[in-house]
Amino acid sequence: MTLHFATPRADSDHMKCPMPHPRFTDERGFGLIEAVVATALFLILLVISIGPIMSSLDRLSTARLTTEAEKLAEARLESIRALDFDDVGLTVGNPVGVIPAAFTVSGDPAWVIETNITWQGAVTGIDPANYKVVDVTIRHPDGTIDPLTFSSIVAPDRLQDSANKASVTIDLNLMEPTPSGEPTPQVFLIKTDGSGTESGAIYPVSGATPTRFEFPLLNPTDPNPGDPNYEMVMRLGPTLADVAASGWYIDPTTLTSGSDTFQLFEAQILTDVLPIYRPAQLDVWVYDDDTGLPIPGAELTLFNGTLSETYTTTDGHFFIEDAYGSPLAPNTYDITIDASGYASETMTGVAIPSGYPTPLHSEVFDLEVQVGNPVTFRVKESSYNIPNATVTVPGAGSGVTDGDGRVTLIVPPGNHTATVTNTAGFANKTQNFNSPSGLVTITLSAPSGYRRVHLYNGGTGDHWAWRERWSGDAWAEIPRDSSGRGAFAVPNYDWYEVALICDDDSVGHKINKYVNGTEWVNFGWNGC
């Protein structure tokens, strides 16, 4: 039997069924997953872009601060350029001037402005033009930007003005080597007037070596040559207190001669040497050669070739730290010991100290008892006795003539020579004599081209002195004997001033005298 199945038609109503459409064809919006993905992508892009944006903002802020700092520096440099050339310098520094080294600008931010000024250019030589380099540094108070430094060169107002200024170079001469590790002191110039008033220290430019100091473009302090009212003094510190604290001293011979002082003139180029030292010490014992005991009452004379100073002791021991008004300077000295009843003894060319940098130098003298005869020396010129002359006899010591021109020495028997030196202008003289001899007269004469000047009736004034007329030189003292008379020798054919000098250094009375042959001057008054 055959079965047949009936197949429904596709268009049959009861067989129709709707087909599902794809979801993406829905036009109503994103789903949840799509929204999350989109948000994540947006956030990633935002994070990536924040860094460059913030960096750009920082660069803008830095640029703004840098521009502000540059404007401050330019304004500062302009204000410095507007100053007089002599004022361009630091209030504490070198070159010295009116500019503070640092200050803070009020505002937000509170910038710190620092200034440094140095010399640039030739200090001495043919070209006197010297310049100043000005460095201005601007600092942010909290370091937001790095410090900015701007430089400029300031020239003298006019090179002609510069050419009229003076330049000074000072070289230190160390009388002994510098102790290891200790720097040499700095040299300053001090301007003084005739009364000793100081007007501040002038700082040097950094020198080429530690012992050279240069002072360029100085204003001449003496517009009138020969006028001693304004001088420059070399010193080892800006004040006397600094000098005392430095431990260094200027050679006393330099101070005594006034070589540490000079006058300054227009367009002058001066180079000078300043001897300096660390103090030495001298320890000396004097003994009797026979007994070995110290000799009380001995005298020690220290002579450096220019200056002489005598010391006394009560116990035969000398400890010397000062000489010629200053701490004892390292040098070569002659040491002479004199004691009553003993033969004089001298050590020549003694290097003090001998073991530098150890300052102490020691010597021992053993004196022999002097065997001899008293010999009196009378020193005179043609008719007047000469006081204050020094008579020296080798082996018998030396002595200074009194108001009658006399001095007595104990001289061993035999032939001897006596040498006379004096401060009255007469020629020094050496004369032979024999001991024993009661009196030895030594007559001095005027040197060739000189003439004697005799003063009498001088009374009891403080002291006499002379100088060449119109010279302005210091007064030279005239030795006066116990009778109120004195004699001295001066070059012939010239005018001189003879004066009585009082204790306060005032001139009590003055006479002008033209010397042409032997001259006699009658003072005819008594006292100042």
Protein backbone atom coordinates (compact mmCIF):
# COMPACT_ATOMS: atom_id res chain seq x y z
CA MET A 1 0.00 0.00 0.00
CA THR A 2 1.38 3.31 -0.85
CA LEU A 3 1.36 6.22 1.64
CA HIS A 4 1.55 9.79 0.47
CA PHE A 5 2.41 12.72 2.65
CA ALA A 6 1.19 16.13 1.87
CA THR A 7 3.88 19.00 1.88
CA PRO A 8 2.54 22.32 3.04
CA ARG A 9 3.05 25.30 0.79
CA ALA A 10 5.26 28.03 1.80
CA ASP A 11 2.46 30.49 1.47
CA SER A 12 0.21 28.60 3.72
CA ASP A 13 -1.07 30.91 6.45
CA HIS A 14 -0.82 28.49 9.30
CA MET A 15 2.75 27.65 8.31
CA LYS A 16 4.12 31.26 8.26
CA CYS A 17 6.81 32.18 11.06
CA PRO A 18 8.68 35.52 11.38
CA MET A 19 12.55 35.35 10.86
CA PRO A 20 14.75 37.05 13.50
CA HIS A 21 16.71 40.23 12.34
CA PRO A 22 20.42 40.83 13.29
CA ARG A 23 20.82 42.96 16.49
CA PHE A 24 23.21 45.42 14.87
CA THR A 25 20.54 46.59 12.70
CA ASP A 26 18.99 48.19 15.78
CA GLU A 27 19.35 52.00 15.45
CA ARG A 28 18.39 52.88 19.03
CA GLY A 29 22.25 53.43 20.56
CA PHE A 30 25.33 51.73 22.11
CA GLY A 31 25.11 48.93 24.44
CA LEU A 32 26.87 48.72 27.85
CA ILE A 33 30.01 47.06 26.55
CA GLU A 34 30.50 49.65 23.85
CA ALA A 35 30.12 52.48 26.37
CA VAL A 36 32.75 51.03 28.72
CA VAL A 37 35.23 50.56 25.89
CA ALA A 38 34.72 54.11 24.65
CA THR A 39 35.18 55.59 28.14
CA ALA A 40 38.40 53.65 28.66
CA LEU A 41 39.81 54.85 25.39
CA PHE A 42 38.95 58.46 26.28
CA LEU A 43 40.65 58.23 29.68
CA ILE A 44 43.78 56.74 28.16
CA LEU A 45 44.02 59.57 25.65
CA LEU A 46 43.43 62.14 28.43
CA VAL A 47 46.21 60.75 30.64
CA ILE A 48 48.62 60.69 27.73
CA SER A 49 47.95 64.37 26.94
CA ILE A 50 48.26 65.75 30.57
CA GLY A 51 52.13 65.44 30.68
CA PRO A 52 52.82 67.57 27.62
CA ILE A 53 50.24 70.12 28.74
CA MET A 54 51.81 70.50 32.25
CA SER A 55 55.32 70.60 30.75
CA SER A 56 54.23 73.39 28.46
CA LEU A 57 52.80 75.29 31.41
CA ASP A 58 56.10 74.87 33.37
CA ARG A 59 58.08 76.11 30.40
CA LEU A 60 55.87 79.14 30.15
CA SER A 61 56.37 79.89 33.87
CA THR A 62 60.16 79.40 33.63
CA ALA A 63 60.30 81.62 30.58
CA ARG A 64 58.36 84.31 32.42
CA LEU A 65 60.72 84.13 35.45
CA THR A 66 63.80 84.10 33.21
CA THR A 67 62.57 87.18 31.37
CA GLU A 68 61.95 88.91 34.69
CA ALA A 69 65.45 87.98 35.91
CA GLU A 70 67.03 89.24 32.69
CA LYS A 71 65.25 92.57 33.04
CA LEU A 72 66.46 92.87 36.65
CA ALA A 73 70.04 92.14 35.60
CA GLU A 74 69.92 94.62 32.75
CA ALA A 75 68.51 97.30 35.01
CA ARG A 76 71.20 96.58 37.61
CA LEU A 77 73.99 96.79 35.04
CA GLU A 78 72.61 100.03 33.67
CA SER A 79 72.51 101.58 37.15
CA ILE A 80 76.15 100.57 37.70
CA ARG A 81 77.25 101.95 34.33
CA ALA A 82 75.69 105.28 35.29
CA LEU A 83 78.03 105.61 38.31
CA ASP A 84 81.33 107.48 38.26
CA PHE A 85 84.17 105.14 37.38
CA ASP A 86 85.78 105.58 40.82
CA ASP A 87 82.49 104.55 42.50
CA VAL A 88 82.21 101.27 40.57
CA GLY A 89 83.34 98.84 43.25
CA LEU A 90 82.07 96.96 46.28
CA THR A 91 81.60 98.60 49.65
CA VAL A 92 83.74 95.78 51.07
CA GLY A 93 86.07 94.44 48.41
CA ASN A 94 88.47 95.32 45.67
CA PRO A 95 88.07 97.57 43.83
CA VAL A 96 86.37 99.52 46.56
CA GLY A 97 83.25 101.54 45.72
CA VAL A 98 79.63 102.18 46.67
CA ILE A 99 77.94 98.97 45.49
CA PRO A 100 76.73 96.33 48.00
CA ALA A 101 77.77 92.76 47.25
CA ALA A 102 74.17 91.47 47.59
CA PHE A 103 70.65 92.65 48.37
CA THR A 104 67.05 91.37 48.09
CA VAL A 105 64.40 92.96 45.88
CA SER A 106 61.05 93.36 47.61
CA GLY A 107 58.16 91.68 45.80
CA ASP A 108 56.93 88.27 44.76
CA PRO A 109 59.24 86.56 44.18
CA ALA A 110 61.87 88.29 46.35
CA TRP A 111 64.81 88.09 43.96
CA VAL A 112 68.39 88.14 45.35
CA ILE A 113 70.80 90.30 43.32
CA GLU A 114 74.53 89.64 43.78
CA THR A 115 77.31 91.78 42.32
CA ASN A 116 80.99 91.00 41.87
CA ILE A 117 83.52 93.47 40.43
CA THR A 118 87.12 92.79 39.38
CA TRP A 119 89.87 94.69 37.61
CA GLN A 120 90.67 93.95 33.98
CA GLY A 121 93.49 95.35 31.84
CA ALA A 122 97.01 96.62 32.29
CA VAL A 123 97.83 97.91 35.76
CA THR A 124 101.20 99.45 34.93
CA GLY A 125 103.13 100.13 31.78
CA ILE A 126 102.67 102.35 28.77
CA ASP A 127 98.93 101.76 28.51
CA PRO A 128 97.35 103.13 31.68
CA ALA A 129 93.76 102.25 30.63
CA ASN A 130 92.27 99.86 33.18
CA TYR A 131 88.76 98.48 33.15
CA LYS A 132 86.38 96.90 35.62
CA VAL A 133 84.42 93.71 34.96
CA VAL A 134 80.96 93.70 36.58
CA ASP A 135 79.18 90.37 37.10
CA VAL A 136 75.51 90.52 38.21
CA THR A 137 73.88 87.27 39.37
CA ILE A 138 70.09 86.98 39.84
CA ARG A 139 68.89 84.23 42.17
CA HIS A 140 65.31 83.00 42.70
CA PRO A 141 64.58 82.79 46.44
CA ASP A 142 63.55 79.11 46.34
CA GLY A 143 65.66 77.99 43.38
CA THR A 144 62.76 77.64 40.95
CA ILE A 145 65.12 78.60 38.14
CA ASP A 146 68.90 78.34 37.98
CA PRO A 147 70.85 81.51 38.86
CA LEU A 148 71.49 83.80 35.89
CA THR A 149 74.77 85.75 35.60
CA PHE A 150 75.27 88.73 33.27
CA SER A 151 78.59 90.54 32.73
CA SER A 152 79.67 93.91 31.51
CA ILE A 153 82.92 95.89 31.26
CA VAL A 154 83.02 99.42 32.66
CA ALA A 155 85.68 101.71 31.21
CA PRO A 156 87.05 104.97 32.62
CA ASP A 157 84.92 107.97 31.72
CA ARG A 158 87.68 109.30 29.51
CA LEU A 159 90.97 107.62 28.71
CA GLN A 160 92.66 111.01 29.05
CA ASP A 161 91.47 111.17 32.65
CA SER A 162 92.82 107.67 33.14
CA ALA A 163 96.19 108.66 31.70
CA ASN A 164 96.55 111.37 34.35
CA LYS A 165 96.04 108.93 37.18
CA ALA A 166 98.84 107.09 38.95
CA SER A 167 99.62 103.41 39.25
CA VAL A 168 101.58 101.85 42.11
CA THR A 169 103.10 98.38 42.43
CA ILE A 170 104.38 97.15 45.80
CA ASP A 171 106.64 94.08 46.03
CA LEU A 172 107.04 92.41 49.41
CA ASN A 173 110.61 91.56 50.39
CA LEU A 174 110.49 88.75 52.97
CA MET A 175 113.46 89.24 55.30
CA GLU A 176 113.10 85.54 56.16
CA PRO A 177 111.23 82.76 54.30
CA THR A 178 107.53 82.47 55.03
CA PRO A 179 106.82 79.71 57.59
CA SER A 180 105.34 76.65 55.91
CA GLY A 181 101.62 76.94 55.31
CA GLU A 182 101.38 80.61 56.29
CA PRO A 183 100.28 83.10 53.62
CA THR A 184 102.01 86.41 53.14
CA PRO A 185 100.11 89.49 54.32
CA GLN A 186 98.24 91.87 52.04
CA VAL A 187 99.54 95.38 51.40
CA PHE A 188 97.23 98.40 51.61
CA LEU A 189 97.77 102.06 50.90
CA ILE A 190 96.58 104.61 53.45
CA LYS A 191 96.11 108.27 52.54
CA THR A 192 97.15 110.65 55.32
CA ASP A 193 97.42 114.38 55.71
CA GLY A 194 99.97 116.45 57.54
CA SER A 195 98.26 115.94 60.90
CA GLY A 196 98.27 112.14 60.59
CA THR A 197 94.56 111.89 59.85
CA GLU A 198 93.77 108.85 57.71
CA SER A 199 91.08 108.83 55.04
CA GLY A 200 90.63 105.09 54.55
CA ALA A 201 92.46 102.15 53.06
CA ILE A 202 92.96 101.54 49.34
CA TYR A 203 92.72 97.84 48.50
CA PRO A 204 95.08 96.32 45.93
CA VAL A 205 94.22 94.47 42.75
CA SER A 206 95.01 90.77 42.93
CA GLY A 207 98.70 90.58 42.15
CA ALA A 208 100.53 88.32 39.74
CA THR A 209 102.25 86.64 42.71
CA PRO A 210 101.46 86.37 46.45
CA THR A 211 104.11 89.03 47.13
CA ARG A 212 103.10 91.60 44.49
CA PHE A 213 100.26 94.09 44.98
CA GLU A 214 99.05 96.54 42.37
CA PHE A 215 97.05 99.75 42.78
CA PRO A 216 95.87 101.13 39.42
CA LEU A 217 94.14 104.40 38.57
CA LEU A 218 94.86 106.24 41.81
CA ASN A 219 93.85 109.86 42.11
CA PRO A 220 97.03 111.85 42.84
CA THR A 221 96.95 112.97 46.47
CA ASP A 222 99.44 115.80 46.06
CA PRO A 223 98.54 118.38 43.41
CA ASN A 224 101.51 120.53 44.48
CA PRO A 225 104.87 118.75 44.14
CA GLY A 226 106.92 119.15 47.29
CA ASP A 227 103.89 119.71 49.52
CA PRO A 228 104.14 117.05 52.26
CA ASN A 229 100.59 117.54 53.51
CA TYR A 230 99.23 114.51 51.64
CA GLU A 231 101.04 111.20 51.56
CA MET A 232 100.47 107.52 50.92
CA VAL A 233 101.60 105.09 53.62
CA MET A 234 102.24 101.39 52.95
CA ARG A 235 100.70 99.17 55.60
CA LEU A 236 100.06 95.46 56.17
CA GLY A 237 96.38 95.99 56.98
CA PRO A 238 93.62 98.53 56.46
CA THR A 239 93.87 99.64 60.12
CA LEU A 240 96.58 99.67 62.79
CA ALA A 241 94.69 96.98 64.69
CA ASP A 242 94.87 94.71 61.64
CA VAL A 243 98.62 95.29 61.46
CA ALA A 244 99.10 94.24 65.07
CA ALA A 245 96.96 91.14 64.60
CA SER A 246 98.71 89.96 61.42
CA GLY A 247 101.96 88.94 63.12
CA TRP A 248 103.94 90.60 60.31
CA TYR A 249 105.90 93.83 60.66
CA ILE A 250 107.59 96.35 58.40
CA ASP A 251 111.37 96.60 58.63
CA PRO A 252 112.19 99.25 61.30
CA THR A 253 114.92 100.77 59.11
CA THR A 254 112.25 101.38 56.48
CA LEU A 255 110.00 103.02 59.06
CA THR A 256 112.81 105.15 60.53
CA SER A 257 113.88 106.41 57.12
CA GLY A 258 110.30 107.09 56.04
CA SER A 259 110.66 104.74 53.06
CA ASP A 260 107.18 103.35 53.78
CA THR A 261 105.71 106.74 52.84
CA PHE A 262 105.59 108.40 49.44
CA GLN A 263 103.85 111.19 47.60
CA LEU A 264 101.80 110.57 44.47
CA PHE A 265 101.74 112.68 41.32
CA GLU A 266 99.76 112.73 38.09
CA ALA A 267 100.59 110.01 35.53
CA GLN A 268 103.11 108.51 37.95
CA ILE A 269 104.03 104.83 37.59
CA LEU A 270 105.71 103.81 40.84
CA THR A 271 107.22 100.48 41.87
CA ASP A 272 108.43 100.11 45.45
CA VAL A 273 109.71 97.35 47.74
CA LEU A 274 108.42 96.83 51.28
CA PRO A 275 110.64 94.67 53.55
CA ILE A 276 108.57 92.69 56.09
CA TYR A 277 109.35 90.10 58.74
CA ARG A 278 108.21 87.86 61.55
CA PRO A 279 109.76 88.96 64.88
CA ALA A 280 112.96 87.35 66.18
CA GLN A 281 114.26 87.04 69.76
CA LEU A 282 117.79 87.40 71.11
CA ASP A 283 118.93 85.72 74.34
CA VAL A 284 122.42 86.67 75.63
CA TRP A 285 124.32 85.73 78.78
CA VAL A 286 127.48 87.62 79.87
CA TYR A 287 129.95 85.84 82.17
CA ASP A 288 133.27 86.56 83.85
CA ASP A 289 135.80 84.44 81.98
CA ASP A 290 137.72 83.62 85.18
CA THR A 291 134.93 82.96 87.69
CA GLY A 292 132.14 81.86 85.33
CA LEU A 293 129.71 84.14 87.16
CA PRO A 294 127.27 86.48 85.42
CA ILE A 295 128.44 90.10 85.17
CA PRO A 296 125.85 92.56 86.51
CA GLY A 297 125.67 96.03 84.99
CA ALA A 298 126.85 94.93 81.54
CA GLU A 299 125.71 96.82 78.44
CA LEU A 300 124.74 95.28 75.09
CA THR A 301 124.79 97.35 71.90
CA LEU A 302 122.92 96.02 68.86
CA PHE A 303 123.89 97.52 65.46
CA ASN A 304 122.27 96.54 62.15
CA GLY A 305 124.52 98.63 59.92
CA THR A 306 122.22 101.64 60.14
CA LEU A 307 120.58 101.77 63.56
CA SER A 308 122.10 101.21 66.99
CA GLU A 309 120.45 100.56 70.36
CA THR A 310 121.98 99.86 73.79
CA TYR A 311 120.48 97.66 76.53
CA THR A 312 121.48 97.24 80.18
CA THR A 313 121.13 94.35 82.61
CA THR A 314 121.36 93.88 86.36
CA ASP A 315 122.07 90.14 86.30
CA GLY A 316 124.18 89.56 83.19
CA HIS A 317 121.22 88.27 81.14
CA PHE A 318 119.61 89.94 78.12
CA PHE A 319 116.37 88.82 76.49
CA ILE A 320 115.66 91.18 73.59
CA GLU A 321 112.39 91.19 71.66
CA ASP A 322 112.29 94.83 70.55
CA ALA A 323 114.80 97.06 68.79
CA TYR A 324 114.61 100.55 67.28
CA GLY A 325 110.97 100.93 68.34
CA SER A 326 109.73 97.73 66.64
CA PRO A 327 109.78 93.98 67.32
CA LEU A 328 113.26 92.62 66.65
CA ALA A 329 113.68 92.07 62.91
CA PRO A 330 115.59 89.12 61.42
CA ASN A 331 118.84 90.62 60.16
CA THR A 332 122.61 90.56 60.44
CA TYR A 333 123.81 92.41 63.54
CA ASP A 334 126.96 93.40 65.36
CA ILE A 335 126.65 92.64 69.09
CA THR A 336 128.97 94.53 71.45
CA ILE A 337 129.21 93.86 75.20
CA ASP A 338 130.75 96.42 77.56
CA ALA A 339 131.16 96.07 81.31
CA SER A 340 133.13 98.17 83.78
CA GLY A 341 136.50 96.61 84.50
CA TYR A 342 136.29 94.18 81.57
CA ALA A 343 137.62 94.26 78.04
CA SER A 344 134.92 95.02 75.49
CA GLU A 345 133.95 92.22 73.12
CA THR A 346 132.12 92.38 69.76
CA MET A 347 130.59 89.67 67.57
CA THR A 348 130.17 90.90 64.00
CA GLY A 349 127.83 89.67 61.28
CA VAL A 350 125.60 87.64 63.61
CA ALA A 351 122.54 86.29 61.74
CA ILE A 352 119.52 86.60 64.03
CA PRO A 353 117.82 84.19 64.13
CA SER A 354 120.15 81.51 62.78
CA GLY A 355 117.56 78.70 62.81
CA TYR A 356 114.51 80.23 61.13
CA PRO A 357 111.55 79.70 61.45
CA THR A 358 112.50 79.21 65.13
CA PRO A 359 112.67 82.88 66.22
CA LEU A 360 115.01 82.51 69.22
CA HIS A 361 118.74 83.10 68.84
CA SER A 362 121.17 82.63 71.75
CA GLU A 363 124.72 83.84 72.37
CA VAL A 364 127.16 83.67 75.31
CA PHE A 365 129.93 86.19 76.02
CA ASP A 366 132.86 85.45 78.36
CA LEU A 367 134.56 88.75 79.21
CA GLU A 368 138.13 89.00 80.41
CA VAL A 369 139.10 91.35 83.20
CA GLN A 370 140.53 94.45 81.62
CA VAL A 371 144.11 95.27 82.45
CA GLY A 372 145.10 98.76 81.47
CA ASN A 373 145.32 102.44 82.22
CA PRO A 374 142.72 105.19 82.24
CA VAL A 375 143.13 107.36 79.16
CA THR A 376 141.09 110.55 78.73
CA PHE A 377 140.28 111.71 75.22
CA ARG A 378 139.43 115.31 74.42
CA VAL A 379 137.65 115.92 71.11
CA LYS A 380 137.61 119.46 69.71
CA GLU A 381 137.75 121.54 66.57
CA SER A 382 140.01 124.60 66.36
CA SER A 383 138.70 126.28 69.51
CA TYR A 384 135.47 124.60 70.70
CA ASN A 385 135.05 121.24 72.41
CA ILE A 386 132.77 118.78 70.64
CA PRO A 387 130.28 116.91 72.86
CA ASN A 388 128.38 113.79 71.78
CA ALA A 389 131.28 112.49 69.70
CA THR A 390 132.04 108.75 69.91
CA VAL A 391 135.60 107.58 70.64
CA THR A 392 136.35 103.93 69.85
CA VAL A 393 139.54 102.07 70.77
CA PRO A 394 139.82 98.42 69.65
CA GLY A 395 140.22 96.25 72.73
CA ALA A 396 139.07 99.01 75.07
CA GLY A 397 135.54 99.73 73.89
CA SER A 398 133.98 103.06 73.10
CA GLY A 399 132.53 106.06 74.85
CA VAL A 400 130.70 109.32 74.13
CA THR A 401 132.21 112.70 74.97
CA ASP A 402 130.55 114.82 77.64
CA GLY A 403 129.76 118.54 77.66
CA ASP A 404 133.49 119.31 77.81
CA GLY A 405 134.23 117.04 74.85
CA ARG A 406 135.91 114.42 77.08
CA VAL A 407 135.56 110.67 77.67
CA THR A 408 137.78 108.21 79.60
CA LEU A 409 138.49 104.61 78.61
CA ILE A 410 140.56 101.88 80.26
CA VAL A 411 143.20 101.02 77.66
CA PRO A 412 145.69 98.13 77.92
CA PRO A 413 149.35 99.12 77.74
CA GLY A 414 150.85 99.55 74.28
CA ASN A 415 150.23 101.34 71.00
CA HIS A 416 146.62 101.85 69.95
CA THR A 417 144.38 103.78 67.55
CA ALA A 418 141.39 105.89 68.53
CA THR A 419 138.67 106.64 66.01
CA VAL A 420 136.32 109.59 66.48
CA THR A 421 132.91 109.84 64.80
CA ASN A 422 130.57 112.80 65.21
CA THR A 423 127.19 114.20 64.17
CA ALA A 424 128.33 117.84 63.84
CA GLY A 425 129.43 117.60 60.22
CA PHE A 426 133.19 117.44 60.88
CA ALA A 427 135.37 114.83 59.19
CA ASN A 428 135.81 111.68 61.29
CA LYS A 429 139.38 110.99 62.38
CA THR A 430 141.63 108.13 63.47
CA GLN A 431 144.70 108.90 65.60
CA ASN A 432 147.49 106.79 67.09
CA PHE A 433 148.39 106.99 70.78
CA ASN A 434 150.25 105.07 73.47
CA SER A 435 149.00 103.76 76.80
CA PRO A 436 149.70 104.85 79.46
CA SER A 437 148.92 108.38 78.42
CA GLY A 438 147.03 110.79 80.65
CA LEU A 439 145.34 112.93 77.95
CA VAL A 440 144.90 112.42 74.21
CA THR A 441 143.59 115.44 72.27
CA ILE A 442 141.96 114.78 68.91
CA THR A 443 141.24 117.83 66.76
CA LEU A 444 138.63 117.54 64.03
CA SER A 445 138.49 119.65 60.90
CA ALA A 446 135.82 120.53 58.36
CA PRO A 447 135.72 118.39 55.20
CA SER A 448 136.85 119.89 51.90
CA GLY A 449 134.37 122.50 50.70
CA TYR A 450 132.88 122.89 54.21
CA ARG A 451 133.25 125.73 56.71
CA ARG A 452 132.91 125.89 60.48
CA VAL A 453 130.06 127.73 62.18
CA HIS A 454 130.58 128.71 65.83
CA LEU A 455 127.66 129.47 68.14
CA TYR A 456 128.17 131.22 71.45
CA ASN A 457 126.13 132.90 74.17
CA GLY A 458 123.57 130.11 73.72
CA GLY A 459 122.22 130.08 77.26
CA THR A 460 120.19 127.14 78.56
CA GLY A 461 117.68 126.59 75.74
CA ASP A 462 116.50 123.09 74.95
CA HIS A 463 118.77 122.38 71.96
CA TRP A 464 120.14 123.95 68.80
CA ALA A 465 119.59 122.83 65.27
CA TRP A 466 120.36 123.91 61.72
CA ARG A 467 119.14 123.28 58.21
CA GLU A 468 119.64 124.68 54.73
CA ARG A 469 117.48 127.76 54.22
CA TRP A 470 114.34 127.34 52.09
CA SER A 471 114.83 123.57 51.95
CA GLY A 472 112.07 122.57 54.39
CA ASP A 473 114.36 119.73 55.55
CA ALA A 474 114.25 118.33 59.06
CA TRP A 475 116.36 120.19 61.62
CA ALA A 476 119.83 118.70 62.34
CA GLU A 477 120.83 118.94 66.00
CA ILE A 478 123.97 120.90 66.97
CA PRO A 479 125.95 119.52 69.95
CA ARG A 480 126.41 122.20 72.62
CA ASP A 481 129.09 122.13 75.32
CA SER A 482 128.75 122.94 78.99
CA SER A 483 129.66 126.60 78.34
CA GLY A 484 126.72 127.22 76.02
CA ARG A 485 128.84 127.02 72.89
CA GLY A 486 128.66 124.79 69.87
CA ALA A 487 130.25 124.19 66.50
CA PHE A 488 129.25 122.42 63.30
CA ALA A 489 130.44 122.20 59.70
CA VAL A 490 128.34 122.86 56.59
CA PRO A 491 129.01 123.29 52.85
CA ASN A 492 130.43 126.72 52.02
CA TYR A 493 128.67 129.49 50.05
CA ASP A 494 125.08 128.80 51.04
CA TRP A 495 122.33 130.14 53.27
CA TYR A 496 121.43 128.33 56.49
CA GLU A 497 118.95 128.64 59.33
CA VAL A 498 120.15 128.25 62.92
CA ALA A 499 117.43 127.84 65.53
CA LEU A 500 116.72 127.06 69.14
CA ILE A 501 114.31 124.09 69.25
CA CYS A 502 112.10 123.80 72.33
CA ASP A 503 110.88 120.64 74.05
CA ASP A 504 107.58 120.79 72.17
CA ASP A 505 109.53 120.95 68.87
CA SER A 506 108.55 124.56 68.32
CA VAL A 507 111.18 127.01 67.07
CA GLY A 508 112.13 129.32 69.91
CA HIS A 509 114.26 131.65 67.83
CA LYS A 510 115.83 131.53 64.37
CA ILE A 511 118.73 133.27 62.64
CA ASN A 512 119.49 133.21 58.90
CA LYS A 513 123.19 132.99 58.07
CA TYR A 514 125.14 133.01 54.81
CA VAL A 515 128.27 130.88 55.22
CA ASN A 516 131.41 132.14 53.50
CA GLY A 517 134.40 131.12 55.55
CA THR A 518 134.36 130.57 59.31
CA GLU A 519 131.24 132.16 60.77
CA TRP A 520 130.39 133.25 64.32
CA VAL A 521 126.79 133.41 65.51
CA ASN A 522 125.92 135.22 68.76
CA PHE A 523 122.61 133.89 70.06
CA GLY A 524 122.49 136.27 73.03
CA TRP A 525 119.35 134.91 74.70
CA ASN A 526 118.47 132.38 77.33
CA GLY A 527 115.90 129.61 76.96
CA CYS A 528 112.80 129.09 74.81
